[in-house]
N, C-alpha and C. Protein backbone atom coordinates (compact mmCIF):
# COMPACT_ATOMS: atom_id res chain seq x y z
N MET A 1 -81.91 -73.33 48.04
CA MET A 1 -80.54 -73.64 47.73
C MET A 1 -79.82 -72.34 47.40
N ALA A 2 -78.79 -72.04 48.11
CA ALA A 2 -78.00 -70.83 47.87
C ALA A 2 -76.83 -71.16 46.97
N ARG A 3 -76.60 -70.30 45.99
CA ARG A 3 -75.46 -70.48 45.09
C ARG A 3 -74.66 -69.20 45.01
N ARG A 4 -73.40 -69.36 44.74
CA ARG A 4 -72.53 -68.21 44.54
C ARG A 4 -71.81 -68.38 43.21
N ALA A 5 -71.71 -67.29 42.49
CA ALA A 5 -70.99 -67.31 41.20
C ALA A 5 -70.46 -65.92 40.93
N PRO A 6 -69.33 -65.82 40.26
CA PRO A 6 -68.82 -64.50 39.89
C PRO A 6 -69.80 -63.80 38.94
N ILE A 7 -69.90 -62.51 39.10
CA ILE A 7 -70.86 -61.74 38.30
C ILE A 7 -70.60 -61.86 36.81
N ASP A 8 -69.34 -61.94 36.35
CA ASP A 8 -69.07 -62.05 34.92
C ASP A 8 -69.60 -63.38 34.37
N SER A 9 -69.57 -64.45 35.17
CA SER A 9 -70.14 -65.73 34.73
C SER A 9 -71.65 -65.63 34.61
N VAL A 10 -72.27 -64.98 35.56
CA VAL A 10 -73.73 -64.82 35.52
C VAL A 10 -74.14 -64.00 34.30
N LEU A 11 -73.43 -62.91 34.04
CA LEU A 11 -73.77 -62.06 32.90
C LEU A 11 -73.56 -62.79 31.57
N ARG A 12 -72.51 -63.58 31.44
CA ARG A 12 -72.31 -64.36 30.22
C ARG A 12 -73.46 -65.35 30.02
N TYR A 13 -73.89 -65.99 31.11
CA TYR A 13 -75.00 -66.94 31.03
C TYR A 13 -76.29 -66.22 30.60
N VAL A 14 -76.58 -65.10 31.22
CA VAL A 14 -77.80 -64.35 30.89
C VAL A 14 -77.76 -63.88 29.44
N ALA A 15 -76.62 -63.40 28.97
CA ALA A 15 -76.50 -62.94 27.58
C ALA A 15 -76.70 -64.08 26.60
N ARG A 16 -76.30 -65.29 26.98
CA ARG A 16 -76.45 -66.44 26.09
C ARG A 16 -77.89 -66.95 26.09
N VAL A 17 -78.57 -66.88 27.22
CA VAL A 17 -79.91 -67.45 27.36
C VAL A 17 -81.01 -66.49 26.93
N MET A 18 -80.86 -65.21 27.21
CA MET A 18 -81.91 -64.23 26.92
C MET A 18 -81.94 -63.91 25.43
N PRO A 19 -83.13 -63.68 24.87
CA PRO A 19 -83.21 -63.28 23.45
C PRO A 19 -82.67 -61.86 23.28
N PRO A 20 -82.24 -61.51 22.06
CA PRO A 20 -81.75 -60.15 21.84
C PRO A 20 -82.89 -59.16 22.02
N PRO A 21 -82.59 -57.97 22.49
CA PRO A 21 -83.66 -56.99 22.70
C PRO A 21 -84.23 -56.49 21.38
N LEU A 22 -85.52 -56.24 21.38
CA LEU A 22 -86.18 -55.65 20.21
C LEU A 22 -86.01 -54.14 20.25
N PRO A 23 -85.99 -53.50 19.09
CA PRO A 23 -85.96 -52.03 19.10
C PRO A 23 -87.29 -51.48 19.61
N VAL A 24 -87.28 -50.25 20.04
CA VAL A 24 -88.53 -49.60 20.45
C VAL A 24 -89.32 -49.35 19.18
N LEU A 25 -90.54 -49.88 19.11
CA LEU A 25 -91.34 -49.81 17.89
C LEU A 25 -92.43 -48.77 18.02
N PRO A 26 -92.79 -48.12 16.90
CA PRO A 26 -93.89 -47.15 16.95
C PRO A 26 -95.22 -47.85 17.18
N PRO A 27 -96.20 -47.15 17.73
CA PRO A 27 -97.52 -47.76 17.93
C PRO A 27 -98.11 -48.21 16.60
N GLY A 28 -98.79 -49.33 16.59
CA GLY A 28 -99.43 -49.83 15.38
C GLY A 28 -98.53 -50.68 14.51
N THR A 29 -97.34 -51.01 14.96
CA THR A 29 -96.44 -51.84 14.15
C THR A 29 -97.03 -53.23 14.00
N ARG A 30 -97.19 -53.69 12.77
CA ARG A 30 -97.81 -54.98 12.49
C ARG A 30 -96.82 -56.01 11.95
N TRP A 31 -95.68 -55.56 11.44
CA TRP A 31 -94.71 -56.48 10.86
C TRP A 31 -93.33 -55.86 10.97
N LEU A 32 -92.34 -56.70 11.21
CA LEU A 32 -90.97 -56.25 11.39
C LEU A 32 -90.05 -57.27 10.74
N ALA A 33 -89.08 -56.80 9.97
CA ALA A 33 -88.08 -57.68 9.36
C ALA A 33 -86.75 -56.93 9.33
N ALA A 34 -85.69 -57.65 9.62
CA ALA A 34 -84.35 -57.07 9.60
C ALA A 34 -83.52 -57.79 8.55
N ARG A 35 -82.86 -57.04 7.69
CA ARG A 35 -81.96 -57.57 6.67
C ARG A 35 -80.66 -56.78 6.75
N LYS A 36 -79.60 -57.46 7.11
CA LYS A 36 -78.28 -56.82 7.26
C LYS A 36 -78.42 -55.61 8.17
N ASP A 37 -78.16 -54.42 7.68
CA ASP A 37 -78.27 -53.24 8.53
C ASP A 37 -79.54 -52.42 8.23
N LEU A 38 -80.56 -53.06 7.62
CA LEU A 38 -81.84 -52.40 7.34
C LEU A 38 -82.92 -52.97 8.25
N LEU A 39 -83.89 -52.14 8.60
CA LEU A 39 -85.03 -52.56 9.40
C LEU A 39 -86.30 -52.16 8.65
N PHE A 40 -87.13 -53.13 8.30
CA PHE A 40 -88.38 -52.87 7.59
C PHE A 40 -89.54 -52.95 8.58
N LEU A 41 -90.44 -51.97 8.52
CA LEU A 41 -91.61 -51.93 9.40
C LEU A 41 -92.86 -51.73 8.57
N VAL A 42 -93.94 -52.39 8.97
CA VAL A 42 -95.27 -52.08 8.43
C VAL A 42 -96.06 -51.53 9.61
N VAL A 43 -96.53 -50.30 9.47
CA VAL A 43 -97.23 -49.61 10.55
C VAL A 43 -98.65 -49.34 10.11
N GLU A 44 -99.61 -49.70 10.96
CA GLU A 44 -101.03 -49.47 10.68
C GLU A 44 -101.46 -48.20 11.40
N HIS A 45 -102.05 -47.27 10.64
CA HIS A 45 -102.56 -46.04 11.23
C HIS A 45 -104.05 -46.15 11.44
N PRO A 46 -104.58 -45.67 12.55
CA PRO A 46 -106.02 -45.76 12.81
C PRO A 46 -106.80 -44.84 11.85
N PRO A 47 -108.12 -45.07 11.75
CA PRO A 47 -108.94 -44.21 10.87
C PRO A 47 -108.80 -42.75 11.26
N GLN A 48 -108.74 -41.90 10.24
CA GLN A 48 -108.63 -40.47 10.48
C GLN A 48 -108.97 -39.70 9.21
N CYS A 49 -109.26 -38.41 9.37
CA CYS A 49 -109.49 -37.54 8.22
C CYS A 49 -108.14 -36.96 7.79
N ARG A 50 -107.94 -36.92 6.49
CA ARG A 50 -106.70 -36.37 5.94
C ARG A 50 -107.04 -35.32 4.90
N SER A 51 -106.17 -34.33 4.80
CA SER A 51 -106.33 -33.29 3.78
C SER A 51 -105.44 -33.64 2.59
N LEU A 52 -106.04 -33.64 1.42
CA LEU A 52 -105.30 -33.90 0.19
C LEU A 52 -105.49 -32.72 -0.75
N ARG A 53 -104.43 -32.38 -1.47
CA ARG A 53 -104.51 -31.33 -2.49
C ARG A 53 -104.38 -31.98 -3.85
N ALA A 54 -105.26 -31.61 -4.77
CA ALA A 54 -105.22 -32.19 -6.11
C ALA A 54 -105.46 -31.10 -7.13
N SER A 55 -104.90 -31.31 -8.33
CA SER A 55 -105.06 -30.37 -9.43
C SER A 55 -105.36 -31.16 -10.69
N TRP A 56 -106.22 -30.63 -11.55
CA TRP A 56 -106.51 -31.28 -12.83
C TRP A 56 -105.53 -30.84 -13.90
N GLU A 57 -104.72 -29.82 -13.60
CA GLU A 57 -103.71 -29.36 -14.55
C GLU A 57 -102.45 -30.22 -14.43
N LYS A 58 -101.46 -29.90 -15.26
CA LYS A 58 -100.18 -30.58 -15.15
C LYS A 58 -99.54 -30.23 -13.81
N LYS A 59 -98.55 -31.00 -13.44
CA LYS A 59 -97.89 -30.77 -12.17
C LYS A 59 -97.36 -29.34 -12.10
N GLY A 60 -97.60 -28.70 -10.97
CA GLY A 60 -97.15 -27.32 -10.79
C GLY A 60 -98.20 -26.30 -11.17
N GLY A 61 -99.38 -26.78 -11.59
CA GLY A 61 -100.45 -25.85 -11.94
C GLY A 61 -100.92 -25.08 -10.72
N GLU A 62 -101.73 -24.05 -10.95
CA GLU A 62 -102.16 -23.16 -9.87
C GLU A 62 -103.56 -23.48 -9.35
N ASP A 63 -104.25 -24.44 -9.92
CA ASP A 63 -105.66 -24.64 -9.51
C ASP A 63 -105.82 -25.79 -8.50
N TYR A 64 -104.91 -25.92 -7.56
CA TYR A 64 -105.02 -26.97 -6.55
C TYR A 64 -106.25 -26.72 -5.69
N GLN A 65 -106.96 -27.79 -5.38
CA GLN A 65 -108.08 -27.73 -4.46
C GLN A 65 -107.80 -28.69 -3.31
N THR A 66 -108.26 -28.31 -2.13
CA THR A 66 -108.04 -29.14 -0.95
C THR A 66 -109.30 -29.95 -0.68
N TYR A 67 -109.11 -31.24 -0.45
CA TYR A 67 -110.20 -32.15 -0.12
C TYR A 67 -109.91 -32.81 1.22
N ARG A 68 -110.94 -32.96 2.04
CA ARG A 68 -110.79 -33.70 3.29
C ARG A 68 -111.50 -35.04 3.11
N LEU A 69 -110.72 -36.11 3.27
CA LEU A 69 -111.24 -37.45 3.07
C LEU A 69 -111.04 -38.27 4.35
N ALA A 70 -112.03 -39.10 4.65
CA ALA A 70 -111.92 -40.01 5.78
C ALA A 70 -111.38 -41.33 5.29
N PHE A 71 -110.23 -41.75 5.81
CA PHE A 71 -109.61 -43.01 5.43
C PHE A 71 -109.80 -44.05 6.52
N PRO A 72 -110.04 -45.29 6.14
CA PRO A 72 -110.08 -46.37 7.13
C PRO A 72 -108.66 -46.68 7.56
N TYR A 73 -108.49 -47.81 8.19
CA TYR A 73 -107.13 -48.22 8.61
C TYR A 73 -106.22 -48.26 7.39
N ILE A 74 -105.01 -47.73 7.52
CA ILE A 74 -104.05 -47.64 6.43
C ILE A 74 -102.77 -48.33 6.85
N LEU A 75 -102.19 -49.11 5.93
CA LEU A 75 -100.88 -49.72 6.18
C LEU A 75 -99.83 -48.95 5.43
């Protein structure tokens, strides 16, 4: 069956029927919520080694030591 329709009618129909597009999400996104003009994301990072610096003195002390720790999946 062949049909003809003006392009503006077709575009209005498609805009009404199709869901709104999702934003491009980073890899590992597990949850998404939109509130007004804010977008909340929960992103899961794969296991990896991370470097952390810690000091037993008060903040700003000079005896920082670097530790490499293996973390499992992190949200």
